[in-house]
């Protein structure tokens, strides 16, 4: 059984963009689900996103050029698992949170060895 290895954010990079916001209403309401999009532009690895607050609900494994759209909750925890294509080496980013907005868009960058992390 493979172990999940968690590395610090210095070894990870993603670009996160929030678009829009939650509008207030006069009625009481529960937190609405927001949209989450993950796109992989790394050529030497695959990746997927997991949401541990929901029993590790996750995307499918994305290869270069693929995107996945799913739902998340504002401020929900997530992490990315990144695996090299040519061997079984992998790591998971540290936990991050979705934006407190309608959208969170994550785009992977660089190579497996220089996977970096930007959040805007």
PDB file of N, CA and C in Angstrom:
ATOM      1  N   UNK A   1       0.841  -1.181   0.000  1.00  0.00           N
ATOM      2  CA  UNK A   1       0.000   0.000   0.000  1.00  0.00           C
ATOM      3  C   UNK A   1       0.879   1.236   0.000  1.00  0.00           C
ATOM      4  N   UNK A   2       0.629   2.140  -0.899  1.00  0.00           N
ATOM      5  CA  UNK A   2       1.429   3.362  -1.010  1.00  0.00           C
ATOM      6  C   UNK A   2       1.060   4.327   0.095  1.00  0.00           C
ATOM      7  N   UNK A   3       2.034   5.067   0.573  1.00  0.00           N
ATOM      8  CA  UNK A   3       1.799   6.090   1.589  1.00  0.00           C
ATOM      9  C   UNK A   3       1.634   7.431   0.917  1.00  0.00           C
ATOM     10  N   UNK A   4       0.809   8.270   1.476  1.00  0.00           N
ATOM     11  CA  UNK A   4       0.661   9.637   0.977  1.00  0.00           C
ATOM     12  C   UNK A   4       1.723  10.475   1.657  1.00  0.00           C
ATOM     13  N   UNK A   5       2.570  11.123   0.884  1.00  0.00           N
ATOM     14  CA  UNK A   5       3.632  11.971   1.397  1.00  0.00           C
ATOM     15  C   UNK A   5       3.196  13.409   1.222  1.00  0.00           C
ATOM     16  N   UNK A   6       3.221  14.177   2.291  1.00  0.00           N
ATOM     17  CA  UNK A   6       2.820  15.578   2.224  1.00  0.00           C
ATOM     18  C   UNK A   6       4.067  16.432   2.294  1.00  0.00           C
ATOM     19  N   UNK A   7       4.215  17.340   1.344  1.00  0.00           N
ATOM     20  CA  UNK A   7       5.365  18.233   1.309  1.00  0.00           C
ATOM     21  C   UNK A   7       4.897  19.658   1.524  1.00  0.00           C
ATOM     22  N   UNK A   8       5.813  20.546   1.913  1.00  0.00           N
ATOM     23  CA  UNK A   8       5.470  21.940   2.187  1.00  0.00           C
ATOM     24  C   UNK A   8       5.135  22.715   0.938  1.00  0.00           C
ATOM     25  N   UNK A   9       4.547  23.891   1.142  1.00  0.00           N
ATOM     26  CA  UNK A   9       4.131  24.704   0.012  1.00  0.00           C
ATOM     27  C   UNK A   9       5.301  25.230  -0.791  1.00  0.00           C
ATOM     28  N   UNK A  10       6.507  25.210  -0.260  1.00  0.00           N
ATOM     29  CA  UNK A  10       7.663  25.655  -1.032  1.00  0.00           C
ATOM     30  C   UNK A  10       7.870  24.751  -2.239  1.00  0.00           C
ATOM     31  N   UNK A  11       7.382  23.504  -2.159  1.00  0.00           N
ATOM     32  CA  UNK A  11       7.554  22.559  -3.265  1.00  0.00           C
ATOM     33  C   UNK A  11       6.348  22.517  -4.182  1.00  0.00           C
ATOM     34  N   UNK A  12       5.369  23.329  -3.927  1.00  0.00           N
ATOM     35  CA  UNK A  12       4.149  23.247  -4.724  1.00  0.00           C
ATOM     36  C   UNK A  12       3.762  24.604  -5.278  1.00  0.00           C
ATOM     37  N   UNK A  13       3.004  24.583  -6.417  1.00  0.00           N
ATOM     38  CA  UNK A  13       2.536  25.863  -6.986  1.00  0.00           C
ATOM     39  C   UNK A  13       1.242  25.680  -7.707  1.00  0.00           C
ATOM     40  N   UNK A  14       0.293  26.519  -7.436  1.00  0.00           N
ATOM     41  CA  UNK A  14      -0.913  26.555  -8.237  1.00  0.00           C
ATOM     42  C   UNK A  14      -1.392  27.974  -8.336  1.00  0.00           C
ATOM     43  N   UNK A  15      -2.123  28.204  -9.366  1.00  0.00           N
ATOM     44  CA  UNK A  15      -2.664  29.532  -9.594  1.00  0.00           C
ATOM     45  C   UNK A  15      -4.149  29.456  -9.323  1.00  0.00           C
ATOM     46  N   UNK A  16      -4.610  30.224  -8.369  1.00  0.00           N
ATOM     47  CA  UNK A  16      -6.009  30.181  -7.989  1.00  0.00           C
ATOM     48  C   UNK A  16      -6.624  31.539  -8.251  1.00  0.00           C
ATOM     49  N   UNK A  17      -7.772  31.548  -8.898  1.00  0.00           N
ATOM     50  CA  UNK A  17      -8.438  32.782  -9.257  1.00  0.00           C
ATOM     51  C   UNK A  17      -9.869  32.737  -8.770  1.00  0.00           C
ATOM     52  N   UNK A  18     -10.268  33.747  -8.050  1.00  0.00           N
ATOM     53  CA  UNK A  18     -11.664  33.835  -7.604  1.00  0.00           C
ATOM     54  C   UNK A  18     -12.393  34.786  -8.530  1.00  0.00           C
ATOM     55  N   UNK A  19     -13.559  34.389  -8.960  1.00  0.00           N
ATOM     56  CA  UNK A  19     -14.371  35.214  -9.837  1.00  0.00           C
ATOM     57  C   UNK A  19     -15.733  35.389  -9.187  1.00  0.00           C
ATOM     58  N   UNK A  20     -16.190  36.607  -9.071  1.00  0.00           N
ATOM     59  CA  UNK A  20     -17.515  36.848  -8.515  1.00  0.00           C
ATOM     60  C   UNK A  20     -17.515  36.876  -7.005  1.00  0.00           C
ATOM     61  N   UNK A  21     -18.694  36.787  -6.417  1.00  0.00           N
ATOM     62  CA  UNK A  21     -18.832  36.790  -4.970  1.00  0.00           C
ATOM     63  C   UNK A  21     -20.210  36.307  -4.586  1.00  0.00           C
ATOM     64  N   UNK A  22     -20.430  36.165  -3.300  1.00  0.00           N
ATOM     65  CA  UNK A  22     -21.728  35.744  -2.809  1.00  0.00           C
ATOM     66  C   UNK A  22     -22.560  36.975  -2.485  1.00  0.00           C
ATOM     67  N   UNK A  23     -23.710  37.059  -3.039  1.00  0.00           N
ATOM     68  CA  UNK A  23     -24.587  38.205  -2.786  1.00  0.00           C
ATOM     69  C   UNK A  23     -25.391  37.954  -1.520  1.00  0.00           C
ATOM     70  N   UNK A  24     -25.552  38.977  -0.695  1.00  0.00           N
ATOM     71  CA  UNK A  24     -26.340  38.845   0.520  1.00  0.00           C
ATOM     72  C   UNK A  24     -27.822  38.921   0.199  1.00  0.00           C
ATOM     73  N   UNK A  25     -28.631  38.240   1.005  1.00  0.00           N
ATOM     74  CA  UNK A  25     -30.072  38.292   0.821  1.00  0.00           C
ATOM     75  C   UNK A  25     -30.721  38.608   2.156  1.00  0.00           C
ATOM     76  N   UNK A  26     -31.970  38.989   2.122  1.00  0.00           N
ATOM     77  CA  UNK A  26     -32.713  39.303   3.338  1.00  0.00           C
ATOM     78  C   UNK A  26     -33.137  38.036   4.060  1.00  0.00           C
ATOM     79  N   UNK A  27     -33.153  36.886   3.359  1.00  0.00           N
ATOM     80  CA  UNK A  27     -33.566  35.633   3.958  1.00  0.00           C
ATOM     81  C   UNK A  27     -32.360  34.890   4.503  1.00  0.00           C
ATOM     82  N   UNK A  28     -32.578  34.131   5.563  1.00  0.00           N
ATOM     83  CA  UNK A  28     -31.510  33.276   6.090  1.00  0.00           C
ATOM     84  C   UNK A  28     -31.319  32.127   5.116  1.00  0.00           C
ATOM     85  N   UNK A  29     -30.051  31.784   4.859  1.00  0.00           N
ATOM     86  CA  UNK A  29     -29.793  30.677   3.948  1.00  0.00           C
ATOM     87  C   UNK A  29     -28.535  29.953   4.374  1.00  0.00           C
ATOM     88  N   UNK A  30     -28.384  28.726   3.910  1.00  0.00           N
ATOM     89  CA  UNK A  30     -27.180  27.967   4.180  1.00  0.00           C
ATOM     90  C   UNK A  30     -26.143  28.334   3.127  1.00  0.00           C
ATOM     91  N   UNK A  31     -24.893  28.007   3.381  1.00  0.00           N
ATOM     92  CA  UNK A  31     -23.828  28.314   2.429  1.00  0.00           C
ATOM     93  C   UNK A  31     -24.062  27.547   1.135  1.00  0.00           C
ATOM     94  N   UNK A  32     -24.086  28.260   0.048  1.00  0.00           N
ATOM     95  CA  UNK A  32     -24.309  27.652  -1.263  1.00  0.00           C
ATOM     96  C   UNK A  32     -23.013  27.050  -1.782  1.00  0.00           C
ATOM     97  N   UNK A  33     -23.140  25.959  -2.510  1.00  0.00           N
ATOM     98  CA  UNK A  33     -21.964  25.349  -3.125  1.00  0.00           C
ATOM     99  C   UNK A  33     -21.397  26.299  -4.171  1.00  0.00           C
ATOM    100  N   UNK A  34     -20.096  26.276  -4.313  1.00  0.00           N
ATOM    101  CA  UNK A  34     -19.454  27.074  -5.348  1.00  0.00           C
ATOM    102  C   UNK A  34     -18.800  26.116  -6.332  1.00  0.00           C
ATOM    103  N   UNK A  35     -18.339  26.640  -7.423  1.00  0.00           N
ATOM    104  CA  UNK A  35     -17.730  25.806  -8.458  1.00  0.00           C
ATOM    105  C   UNK A  35     -16.234  25.745  -8.270  1.00  0.00           C
ATOM    106  N   UNK A  36     -15.656  24.586  -8.597  1.00  0.00           N
ATOM    107  CA  UNK A  36     -14.221  24.356  -8.501  1.00  0.00           C
ATOM    108  C   UNK A  36     -13.760  23.803  -9.839  1.00  0.00           C
ATOM    109  N   UNK A  37     -12.697  24.362 -10.392  1.00  0.00           N
ATOM    110  CA  UNK A  37     -12.150  23.894 -11.673  1.00  0.00           C
ATOM    111  C   UNK A  37     -10.671  23.643 -11.498  1.00  0.00           C
ATOM    112  N   UNK A  38     -10.210  22.470 -11.928  1.00  0.00           N
ATOM    113  CA  UNK A  38      -8.795  22.108 -11.904  1.00  0.00           C
ATOM    114  C   UNK A  38      -8.363  21.805 -13.327  1.00  0.00           C
ATOM    115  N   UNK A  39      -7.278  22.449 -13.780  1.00  0.00           N
ATOM    116  CA  UNK A  39      -6.697  22.186 -15.101  1.00  0.00           C
ATOM    117  C   UNK A  39      -5.231  21.828 -14.922  1.00  0.00           C
ATOM    118  N   UNK A  40      -4.782  20.785 -15.626  1.00  0.00           N
ATOM    119  CA  UNK A  40      -3.396  20.340 -15.541  1.00  0.00           C
ATOM    120  C   UNK A  40      -2.652  20.740 -16.812  1.00  0.00           C
ATOM    121  N   UNK A  41      -1.619  21.553 -16.663  1.00  0.00           N
ATOM    122  CA  UNK A  41      -0.776  21.915 -17.799  1.00  0.00           C
ATOM    123  C   UNK A  41       0.649  21.385 -17.625  1.00  0.00           C
ATOM    124  N   UNK A  42       0.843  20.478 -16.663  1.00  0.00           N
ATOM    125  CA  UNK A  42       2.160  19.853 -16.466  1.00  0.00           C
ATOM    126  C   UNK A  42       2.305  18.661 -17.382  1.00  0.00           C
ATOM    127  N   UNK A  43       3.399  18.582 -18.116  1.00  0.00           N
ATOM    128  CA  UNK A  43       3.561  17.530 -19.120  1.00  0.00           C
ATOM    129  C   UNK A  43       4.136  16.230 -18.575  1.00  0.00           C
ATOM    130  N   UNK A  44       4.819  16.273 -17.407  1.00  0.00           N
ATOM    131  CA  UNK A  44       5.457  15.042 -16.933  1.00  0.00           C
ATOM    132  C   UNK A  44       4.799  14.470 -15.681  1.00  0.00           C
ATOM    133  N   UNK A  45       3.569  14.886 -15.383  1.00  0.00           N
ATOM    134  CA  UNK A  45       2.856  14.353 -14.219  1.00  0.00           C
ATOM    135  C   UNK A  45       1.347  14.377 -14.449  1.00  0.00           C
ATOM    136  N   UNK A  46       0.661  13.606 -13.627  1.00  0.00           N
ATOM    137  CA  UNK A  46      -0.798  13.658 -13.554  1.00  0.00           C
ATOM    138  C   UNK A  46      -1.159  14.243 -12.195  1.00  0.00           C
ATOM    139  N   UNK A  47      -2.375  14.706 -12.051  1.00  0.00           N
ATOM    140  CA  UNK A  47      -2.803  15.280 -10.778  1.00  0.00           C
ATOM    141  C   UNK A  47      -4.293  15.090 -10.577  1.00  0.00           C
ATOM    142  N   UNK A  48      -4.706  15.141  -9.321  1.00  0.00           N
ATOM    143  CA  UNK A  48      -6.130  15.188  -8.991  1.00  0.00           C
ATOM    144  C   UNK A  48      -6.300  15.970  -7.702  1.00  0.00           C
ATOM    145  N   UNK A  49      -7.509  16.452  -7.463  1.00  0.00           N
ATOM    146  CA  UNK A  49      -7.822  17.225  -6.264  1.00  0.00           C
ATOM    147  C   UNK A  49      -8.697  16.378  -5.350  1.00  0.00           C
ATOM    148  N   UNK A  50      -8.447  16.470  -4.031  1.00  0.00           N
ATOM    149  CA  UNK A  50      -9.259  15.786  -3.019  1.00  0.00           C
ATOM    150  C   UNK A  50      -9.785  16.795  -2.016  1.00  0.00           C
ATOM    151  N   UNK A  51     -10.972  16.520  -1.510  1.00  0.00           N
ATOM    152  CA  UNK A  51     -11.620  17.360  -0.507  1.00  0.00           C
ATOM    153  C   UNK A  51     -11.818  16.514   0.755  1.00  0.00           C
ATOM    154  N   UNK A  52     -10.881  16.552   1.710  1.00  0.00           N
ATOM    155  CA  UNK A  52     -10.945  15.672   2.884  1.00  0.00           C
ATOM    156  C   UNK A  52     -12.152  15.917   3.781  1.00  0.00           C
ATOM    157  N   UNK A  53     -12.729  17.119   3.773  1.00  0.00           N
ATOM    158  CA  UNK A  53     -13.902  17.395   4.601  1.00  0.00           C
ATOM    159  C   UNK A  53     -15.129  16.628   4.121  1.00  0.00           C
ATOM    160  N   UNK A  54     -15.047  16.071   2.912  1.00  0.00           N
ATOM    161  CA  UNK A  54     -16.161  15.288   2.359  1.00  0.00           C
ATOM    162  C   UNK A  54     -15.732  13.851   2.107  1.00  0.00           C
ATOM    163  N   UNK A  55     -14.948  13.296   3.022  1.00  0.00           N
ATOM    164  CA  UNK A  55     -14.531  11.900   2.893  1.00  0.00           C
ATOM    165  C   UNK A  55     -13.626  11.661   1.705  1.00  0.00           C
ATOM    166  N   UNK A  56     -12.765  12.618   1.398  1.00  0.00           N
ATOM    167  CA  UNK A  56     -11.844  12.540   0.266  1.00  0.00           C
ATOM    168  C   UNK A  56     -12.548  12.487  -1.086  1.00  0.00           C
ATOM    169  N   UNK A  57     -13.717  13.133  -1.203  1.00  0.00           N
ATOM    170  CA  UNK A  57     -14.338  13.352  -2.514  1.00  0.00           C
ATOM    171  C   UNK A  57     -13.264  13.928  -3.417  1.00  0.00           C
ATOM    172  N   UNK A  58     -13.142  13.422  -4.630  1.00  0.00           N
ATOM    173  CA  UNK A  58     -12.047  13.883  -5.482  1.00  0.00           C
ATOM    174  C   UNK A  58     -12.439  13.896  -6.951  1.00  0.00           C
ATOM    175  N   UNK A  59     -11.575  14.544  -7.730  1.00  0.00           N
ATOM    176  CA  UNK A  59     -11.714  14.548  -9.182  1.00  0.00           C
ATOM    177  C   UNK A  59     -11.149  13.243  -9.715  1.00  0.00           C
ATOM    178  N   UNK A  60     -11.252  13.041 -11.010  1.00  0.00           N
ATOM    179  CA  UNK A  60     -10.532  11.952 -11.636  1.00  0.00           C
ATOM    180  C   UNK A  60      -9.101  12.413 -11.892  1.00  0.00           C
ATOM    181  N   UNK A  61      -8.224  11.503 -12.272  1.00  0.00           N
ATOM    182  CA  UNK A  61      -6.816  11.827 -12.532  1.00  0.00           C
ATOM    183  C   UNK A  61      -6.729  12.568 -13.863  1.00  0.00           C
ATOM    184  N   UNK A  62      -6.064  13.722 -13.839  1.00  0.00           N
ATOM    185  CA  UNK A  62      -5.950  14.565 -15.024  1.00  0.00           C
ATOM    186  C   UNK A  62      -4.554  14.472 -15.630  1.00  0.00           C
ATOM    187  N   UNK A  63      -4.495  14.232 -16.915  1.00  0.00           N
ATOM    188  CA  UNK A  63      -3.247  14.280 -17.670  1.00  0.00           C
ATOM    189  C   UNK A  63      -3.089  15.674 -18.268  1.00  0.00           C
ATOM    190  N   UNK A  64      -1.993  15.890 -18.949  1.00  0.00           N
ATOM    191  CA  UNK A  64      -1.712  17.179 -19.582  1.00  0.00           C
ATOM    192  C   UNK A  64      -2.882  17.636 -20.451  1.00  0.00           C
ATOM    193  N   UNK A  65      -3.287  18.893 -20.266  1.00  0.00           N
ATOM    194  CA  UNK A  65      -4.331  19.493 -21.086  1.00  0.00           C
ATOM    195  C   UNK A  65      -5.754  19.197 -20.661  1.00  0.00           C
ATOM    196  N   UNK A  66      -5.947  18.405 -19.614  1.00  0.00           N
ATOM    197  CA  UNK A  66      -7.298  18.073 -19.172  1.00  0.00           C
ATOM    198  C   UNK A  66      -7.747  18.988 -18.031  1.00  0.00           C
ATOM    199  N   UNK A  67      -9.064  19.204 -17.943  1.00  0.00           N
ATOM    200  CA  UNK A  67      -9.670  19.990 -16.861  1.00  0.00           C
ATOM    201  C   UNK A  67     -10.811  19.192 -16.251  1.00  0.00           C
ATOM    202  N   UNK A  68     -11.101  19.491 -14.994  1.00  0.00           N
ATOM    203  CA  UNK A  68     -12.214  18.877 -14.266  1.00  0.00           C
ATOM    204  C   UNK A  68     -13.010  19.974 -13.591  1.00  0.00           C
ATOM    205  N   UNK A  69     -14.331  19.898 -13.675  1.00  0.00           N
ATOM    206  CA  UNK A  69     -15.219  20.837 -13.001  1.00  0.00           C
ATOM    207  C   UNK A  69     -16.018  20.092 -11.947  1.00  0.00           C
ATOM    208  N   UNK A  70     -16.070  20.659 -10.746  1.00  0.00           N
ATOM    209  CA  UNK A  70     -16.838  20.054  -9.663  1.00  0.00           C
ATOM    210  C   UNK A  70     -17.376  21.128  -8.744  1.00  0.00           C
ATOM    211  N   UNK A  71     -17.988  20.692  -7.674  1.00  0.00           N
ATOM    212  CA  UNK A  71     -18.532  21.610  -6.688  1.00  0.00           C
ATOM    213  C   UNK A  71     -17.673  21.604  -5.435  1.00  0.00           C
ATOM    214  N   UNK A  72     -17.624  22.711  -4.770  1.00  0.00           N
ATOM    215  CA  UNK A  72     -16.948  22.832  -3.485  1.00  0.00           C
ATOM    216  C   UNK A  72     -17.758  23.783  -2.627  1.00  0.00           C
ATOM    217  N   UNK A  73     -17.395  23.884  -1.387  1.00  0.00           N
ATOM    218  CA  UNK A  73     -18.032  24.827  -0.483  1.00  0.00           C
ATOM    219  C   UNK A  73     -17.075  25.978  -0.237  1.00  0.00           C
ATOM    220  N   UNK A  74     -17.555  27.202  -0.089  1.00  0.00           N
ATOM    221  CA  UNK A  74     -16.667  28.333   0.186  1.00  0.00           C
ATOM    222  C   UNK A  74     -15.803  28.050   1.414  1.00  0.00           C
ATOM    223  N   UNK A  75     -14.494  28.205   1.271  1.00  0.00           N
ATOM    224  CA  UNK A  75     -13.552  27.983   2.367  1.00  0.00           C
ATOM    225  C   UNK A  75     -13.243  26.527   2.656  1.00  0.00           C
ATOM    226  N   UNK A  76     -13.702  25.600   1.821  1.00  0.00           N
ATOM    227  CA  UNK A  76     -13.482  24.167   2.044  1.00  0.00           C
ATOM    228  C   UNK A  76     -12.017  23.784   1.807  1.00  0.00           C
ATOM    229  N   UNK A  77     -11.516  22.831   2.599  1.00  0.00           N
ATOM    230  CA  UNK A  77     -10.135  22.356   2.436  1.00  0.00           C
ATOM    231  C   UNK A  77     -10.011  21.474   1.195  1.00  0.00           C
ATOM    232  N   UNK A  78      -8.846  21.568   0.545  1.00  0.00           N
ATOM    233  CA  UNK A  78      -8.531  20.681  -0.574  1.00  0.00           C
ATOM    234  C   UNK A  78      -7.018  20.523  -0.664  1.00  0.00           C
ATOM    235  N   UNK A  79      -6.571  19.487  -1.327  1.00  0.00           N
ATOM    236  CA  UNK A  79      -5.162  19.347  -1.669  1.00  0.00           C
ATOM    237  C   UNK A  79      -5.046  18.638  -3.006  1.00  0.00           C
ATOM    238  N   UNK A  80      -3.894  18.826  -3.644  1.00  0.00           N
ATOM    239  CA  UNK A  80      -3.618  18.186  -4.925  1.00  0.00           C
ATOM    240  C   UNK A  80      -2.640  17.043  -4.714  1.00  0.00           C
ATOM    241  N   UNK A  81      -2.874  15.930  -5.373  1.00  0.00           N
ATOM    242  CA  UNK A  81      -1.909  14.837  -5.408  1.00  0.00           C
ATOM    243  C   UNK A  81      -1.298  14.848  -6.800  1.00  0.00           C
ATOM    244  N   UNK A  82       0.032  14.818  -6.855  1.00  0.00           N
ATOM    245  CA  UNK A  82       0.777  14.944  -8.102  1.00  0.00           C
ATOM    246  C   UNK A  82       1.647  13.698  -8.252  1.00  0.00           C
ATOM    247  N   UNK A  83       1.549  13.004  -9.401  1.00  0.00           N
ATOM    248  CA  UNK A  83       2.337  11.790  -9.633  1.00  0.00           C
ATOM    249  C   UNK A  83       3.094  11.879 -10.949  1.00  0.00           C
ATOM    250  N   UNK A  84       4.391  11.532 -10.877  1.00  0.00           N
ATOM    251  CA  UNK A  84       5.199  11.487 -12.100  1.00  0.00           C
ATOM    252  C   UNK A  84       4.643  10.463 -13.057  1.00  0.00           C
ATOM    253  N   UNK A  85       4.772  10.714 -14.350  1.00  0.00           N
ATOM    254  CA  UNK A  85       4.276   9.776 -15.355  1.00  0.00           C
ATOM    255  C   UNK A  85       5.211   8.586 -15.548  1.00  0.00           C
ATOM    256  N   UNK A  86       6.525   8.792 -15.384  1.00  0.00           N
ATOM    257  CA  UNK A  86       7.488   7.745 -15.718  1.00  0.00           C
ATOM    258  C   UNK A  86       7.918   6.875 -14.540  1.00  0.00           C
ATOM    259  N   UNK A  87       7.424   7.134 -13.331  1.00  0.00           N
ATOM    260  CA  UNK A  87       7.711   6.276 -12.186  1.00  0.00           C
ATOM    261  C   UNK A  87       6.662   6.534 -11.108  1.00  0.00           C
ATOM    262  N   UNK A  88       6.663   5.738 -10.040  1.00  0.00           N
ATOM    263  CA  UNK A  88       5.590   5.870  -9.041  1.00  0.00           C
ATOM    264  C   UNK A  88       5.769   7.006  -8.023  1.00  0.00           C
ATOM    265  N   UNK A  89       6.729   7.893  -8.211  1.00  0.00           N
ATOM    266  CA  UNK A  89       6.931   8.991  -7.256  1.00  0.00           C
ATOM    267  C   UNK A  89       5.729   9.922  -7.252  1.00  0.00           C
ATOM    268  N   UNK A  90       5.292  10.315  -6.062  1.00  0.00           N
ATOM    269  CA  UNK A  90       4.184  11.259  -5.962  1.00  0.00           C
ATOM    270  C   UNK A  90       4.281  12.030  -4.660  1.00  0.00           C
ATOM    271  N   UNK A  91       3.536  13.115  -4.570  1.00  0.00           N
ATOM    272  CA  UNK A  91       3.419  13.882  -3.338  1.00  0.00           C
ATOM    273  C   UNK A  91       2.067  14.563  -3.328  1.00  0.00           C
ATOM    274  N   UNK A  92       1.681  15.017  -2.156  1.00  0.00           N
ATOM    275  CA  UNK A  92       0.449  15.798  -2.019  1.00  0.00           C
ATOM    276  C   UNK A  92       0.833  17.172  -1.493  1.00  0.00           C
ATOM    277  N   UNK A  93       0.174  18.188  -1.999  1.00  0.00           N
ATOM    278  CA  UNK A  93       0.412  19.539  -1.491  1.00  0.00           C
ATOM    279  C   UNK A  93      -0.172  19.639  -0.084  1.00  0.00           C
ATOM    280  N   UNK A  94       0.231  20.639   0.655  1.00  0.00           N
ATOM    281  CA  UNK A  94      -0.382  20.864   1.956  1.00  0.00           C
ATOM    282  C   UNK A  94      -1.818  21.326   1.741  1.00  0.00           C
ATOM    283  N   UNK A  95      -2.636  21.185   2.761  1.00  0.00           N
ATOM    284  CA  UNK A  95      -4.036  21.595   2.644  1.00  0.00           C
ATOM    285  C   UNK A  95      -4.143  23.075   2.338  1.00  0.00           C
ATOM    286  N   UNK A  96      -5.040  23.401   1.468  1.00  0.00           N
ATOM    287  CA  UNK A  96      -5.353  24.781   1.138  1.00  0.00           C
ATOM    288  C   UNK A  96      -6.862  24.917   1.281  1.00  0.00           C
ATOM    289  N   UNK A  97      -7.387  26.092   1.072  1.00  0.00           N
ATOM    290  CA  UNK A  97      -8.836  26.304   1.154  1.00  0.00           C
ATOM    291  C   UNK A  97      -9.334  26.930  -0.139  1.00  0.00           C
ATOM    292  N   UNK A  98     -10.554  26.566  -0.510  1.00  0.00           N
ATOM    293  CA  UNK A  98     -11.174  27.202  -1.667  1.00  0.00           C
ATOM    294  C   UNK A  98     -11.454  28.658  -1.319  1.00  0.00           C
ATOM    295  N   UNK A  99     -11.636  29.451  -2.325  1.00  0.00           N
ATOM    296  CA  UNK A  99     -11.946  30.865  -2.117  1.00  0.00           C
ATOM    297  C   UNK A  99     -13.351  31.022  -1.554  1.00  0.00           C
ATOM    298  N   UNK A 100     -13.553  32.076  -0.793  1.00  0.00           N
ATOM    299  CA  UNK A 100     -14.888  32.388  -0.273  1.00  0.00           C
ATOM    300  C   UNK A 100     -15.657  33.161  -1.336  1.00  0.00           C
ATOM    301  N   UNK A 101     -15.829  32.534  -2.466  1.00  0.00           N
ATOM    302  CA  UNK A 101     -16.466  33.180  -3.614  1.00  0.00           C
ATOM    303  C   UNK A 101     -17.192  32.116  -4.426  1.00  0.00           C
ATOM    304  N   UNK A 102     -17.749  32.522  -5.543  1.00  0.00           N
ATOM    305  CA  UNK A 102     -18.500  31.624  -6.398  1.00  0.00           C
ATOM    306  C   UNK A 102     -17.602  30.617  -7.111  1.00  0.00           C
ATOM    307  N   UNK A 103     -16.378  31.004  -7.453  1.00  0.00           N
ATOM    308  CA  UNK A 103     -15.480  30.150  -8.225  1.00  0.00           C
ATOM    309  C   UNK A 103     -14.111  30.028  -7.569  1.00  0.00           C
ATOM    310  N   UNK A 104     -13.500  28.856  -7.684  1.00  0.00           N
ATOM    311  CA  UNK A 104     -12.087  28.654  -7.419  1.00  0.00           C
ATOM    312  C   UNK A 104     -11.546  27.940  -8.647  1.00  0.00           C
ATOM    313  N   UNK A 105     -10.534  28.527  -9.280  1.00  0.00           N
ATOM    314  CA  UNK A 105      -9.927  27.929 -10.467  1.00  0.00           C
ATOM    315  C   UNK A 105      -8.459  27.648 -10.145  1.00  0.00           C
ATOM    316  N   UNK A 106      -8.045  26.397 -10.312  1.00  0.00           N
ATOM    317  CA  UNK A 106      -6.685  25.974 -10.005  1.00  0.00           C
ATOM    318  C   UNK A 106      -6.038  25.477 -11.295  1.00  0.00           C
ATOM    319  N   UNK A 107      -4.852  25.986 -11.595  1.00  0.00           N
ATOM    320  CA  UNK A 107      -4.107  25.553 -12.771  1.00  0.00           C
ATOM    321  C   UNK A 107      -2.724  25.126 -12.322  1.00  0.00           C
ATOM    322  N   UNK A 108      -2.360  23.869 -12.614  1.00  0.00           N
ATOM    323  CA  UNK A 108      -1.023  23.385 -12.244  1.00  0.00           C
ATOM    324  C   UNK A 108       0.005  23.989 -13.183  1.00  0.00           C
ATOM    325  N   UNK A 109       1.254  24.023 -12.731  1.00  0.00           N
ATOM    326  CA  UNK A 109       2.325  24.626 -13.533  1.00  0.00           C
ATOM    327  C   UNK A 109       3.622  23.846 -13.388  1.00  0.00           C
ATOM    328  N   UNK A 110       4.520  24.089 -14.309  1.00  0.00           N
ATOM    329  CA  UNK A 110       5.895  23.597 -14.273  1.00  0.00           C
ATOM    330  C   UNK A 110       5.978  22.083 -14.407  1.00  0.00           C
ATOM    331  N   UNK A 111       7.111  21.517 -13.977  1.00  0.00           N
ATOM    332  CA  UNK A 111       7.352  20.082 -14.052  1.00  0.00           C
ATOM    333  C   UNK A 111       7.177  19.463 -12.675  1.00  0.00           C
ATOM    334  N   UNK A 112       7.235  18.154 -12.614  1.00  0.00           N
ATOM    335  CA  UNK A 112       7.087  17.447 -11.329  1.00  0.00           C
ATOM    336  C   UNK A 112       8.108  17.974 -10.312  1.00  0.00           C
ATOM    337  N   UNK A 113       9.352  18.114 -10.735  1.00  0.00           N
ATOM    338  CA  UNK A 113      10.416  18.538  -9.811  1.00  0.00           C
ATOM    339  C   UNK A 113      10.343  20.004  -9.433  1.00  0.00           C
ATOM    340  N   UNK A 114       9.646  20.815 -10.204  1.00  0.00           N
ATOM    341  CA  UNK A 114       9.551  22.242  -9.887  1.00  0.00           C
ATOM    342  C   UNK A 114       8.104  22.705  -9.758  1.00  0.00           C
ATOM    343  N   UNK A 115       7.225  21.772  -9.376  1.00  0.00           N
ATOM    344  CA  UNK A 115       5.809  22.096  -9.188  1.00  0.00           C
ATOM    345  C   UNK A 115       5.722  23.270  -8.215  1.00  0.00           C
ATOM    346  N   UNK A 116       5.066  24.338  -8.623  1.00  0.00           N
ATOM    347  CA  UNK A 116       5.008  25.542  -7.800  1.00  0.00           C
ATOM    348  C   UNK A 116       3.579  25.921  -7.483  1.00  0.00           C
ATOM    349  N   UNK A 117       3.363  26.953  -6.690  1.00  0.00           N
ATOM    350  CA  UNK A 117       2.053  27.237  -6.109  1.00  0.00           C
ATOM    351  C   UNK A 117       1.824  28.743  -6.021  1.00  0.00           C
ATOM    352  N   UNK A 118       0.816  29.240  -6.679  1.00  0.00           N
ATOM    353  CA  UNK A 118       0.374  30.643  -6.574  1.00  0.00           C
ATOM    354  C   UNK A 118      -1.092  30.645  -6.200  1.00  0.00           C
ATOM    355  N   UNK A 119      -1.463  31.493  -5.282  1.00  0.00           N
ATOM    356  CA  UNK A 119      -2.885  31.633  -4.963  1.00  0.00           C
ATOM    357  C   UNK A 119      -3.220  33.113  -4.975  1.00  0.00           C
ATOM    358  N   UNK A 120      -4.198  33.462  -5.776  1.00  0.00           N
ATOM    359  CA  UNK A 120      -4.578  34.873  -5.907  1.00  0.00           C
ATOM    360  C   UNK A 120      -5.980  35.092  -5.400  1.00  0.00           C
TER     361      UNK A 120
END
